[in-house]
Amino acid sequence: MQTVLPPGEIVSIEIKTEIAGVVFEILVEQGARVSAGETILVIESMKMEIPVDSTGEGVLAELCVSAGDVIAVGQVLARIKE
């Protein structure tokens, strides 16, 4: 399920993809606290499952994709508030 931050909400970290593919699985729910290095979601690309990890610690403020979404290189997947 995609969610949108309220206008004016400030985020500290944007998690972007470095590879095109399909969102295979979302492992963390919006509002959950995440640690640096924690896997947030999994992308399927070229028949491989690629974990996408948080680059910092905070609260998962926004999921910008849903399971099954086709994603492009550089697309924002999630936003984290520190």
Protein backbone atom coordinates (compact mmCIF):
# COMPACT_ATOMS: atom_id res chain seq x y z
CA MET A 1 0.00 0.00 0.00
CA GLN A 2 1.44 3.34 -1.02
CA THR A 3 1.18 6.23 1.40
CA VAL A 4 1.80 9.92 1.07
CA LEU A 5 3.29 12.22 3.70
CA PRO A 6 1.20 15.22 4.76
CA PRO A 7 2.26 18.53 3.19
CA GLY A 8 5.15 20.11 5.08
CA GLU A 9 6.34 16.83 6.61
CA ILE A 10 10.15 16.72 6.66
CA VAL A 11 12.10 13.54 6.05
CA SER A 12 15.77 12.99 6.67
CA ILE A 13 16.51 9.98 4.47
CA GLU A 14 15.22 8.89 1.07
CA ILE A 15 15.80 5.26 0.13
CA LYS A 16 16.27 4.96 -3.65
CA THR A 17 16.77 1.93 -5.84
CA GLU A 18 19.98 1.34 -7.72
CA ILE A 19 18.44 -1.27 -10.02
CA ALA A 20 15.26 -1.62 -12.07
CA GLY A 21 12.91 -4.46 -11.22
CA VAL A 22 9.71 -5.36 -9.41
CA VAL A 23 8.95 -4.89 -5.71
CA PHE A 24 8.83 -8.51 -4.56
CA GLU A 25 8.07 -8.09 -0.85
CA ILE A 26 7.73 -5.30 1.71
CA LEU A 27 9.13 -6.32 5.08
CA VAL A 28 8.56 -3.22 7.25
CA GLU A 29 5.28 -1.39 7.82
CA GLN A 30 4.93 2.36 7.71
CA GLY A 31 5.40 3.88 11.16
CA ALA A 32 7.84 1.19 12.28
CA ARG A 33 11.23 2.14 13.71
CA VAL A 34 14.10 0.94 11.51
CA SER A 35 17.83 0.60 12.12
CA ALA A 36 20.65 1.31 9.70
CA GLY A 37 21.23 -1.81 7.63
CA GLU A 38 17.76 -3.25 8.29
CA THR A 39 16.09 -4.69 5.18
CA ILE A 40 12.97 -2.69 4.31
CA LEU A 41 11.90 -4.45 1.13
CA VAL A 42 13.03 -6.90 -1.52
CA ILE A 43 13.30 -6.21 -5.25
CA GLU A 44 13.19 -8.94 -7.88
CA SER A 45 15.45 -8.23 -10.84
CA MET A 46 16.99 -10.59 -13.38
CA LYS A 47 15.49 -13.57 -11.47
CA MET A 48 17.34 -12.51 -8.29
CA GLU A 49 15.93 -11.23 -5.01
CA ILE A 50 17.79 -8.08 -3.93
CA PRO A 51 17.31 -6.68 -0.41
CA VAL A 52 16.97 -2.91 0.02
CA ASP A 53 18.32 -1.77 3.37
CA SER A 54 17.78 1.37 5.40
CA THR A 55 20.75 3.72 5.19
CA GLY A 56 19.95 5.26 8.57
CA GLU A 57 17.97 4.95 11.77
CA GLY A 58 14.51 6.41 12.33
CA VAL A 59 10.82 5.90 11.64
CA LEU A 60 9.61 4.66 8.26
CA ALA A 61 7.51 7.70 7.43
CA GLU A 62 6.44 6.78 3.90
CA LEU A 63 6.39 3.76 1.62
CA CYS A 64 6.37 5.00 -1.97
CA VAL A 65 5.82 1.59 -3.59
CA SER A 66 3.66 -1.48 -3.18
CA ALA A 67 4.40 -5.17 -3.74
CA GLY A 68 4.24 -5.89 -7.45
CA ASP A 69 5.16 -2.36 -8.57
CA VAL A 70 7.63 -2.02 -11.44
CA ILE A 71 10.41 0.34 -10.40
CA ALA A 72 13.09 2.31 -12.26
CA VAL A 73 16.69 3.09 -11.33
CA GLY A 74 16.82 6.04 -8.92
CA GLN A 75 13.16 5.82 -7.90
CA VAL A 76 12.37 6.71 -4.28
CA LEU A 77 11.13 3.60 -2.46
CA ALA A 78 10.73 4.91 1.08
CA ARG A 79 11.36 7.92 3.30
CA ILE A 80 12.65 7.81 6.86
CA LYS A 81 12.38 10.47 9.59
CA GLU A 82 15.34 10.49 11.94
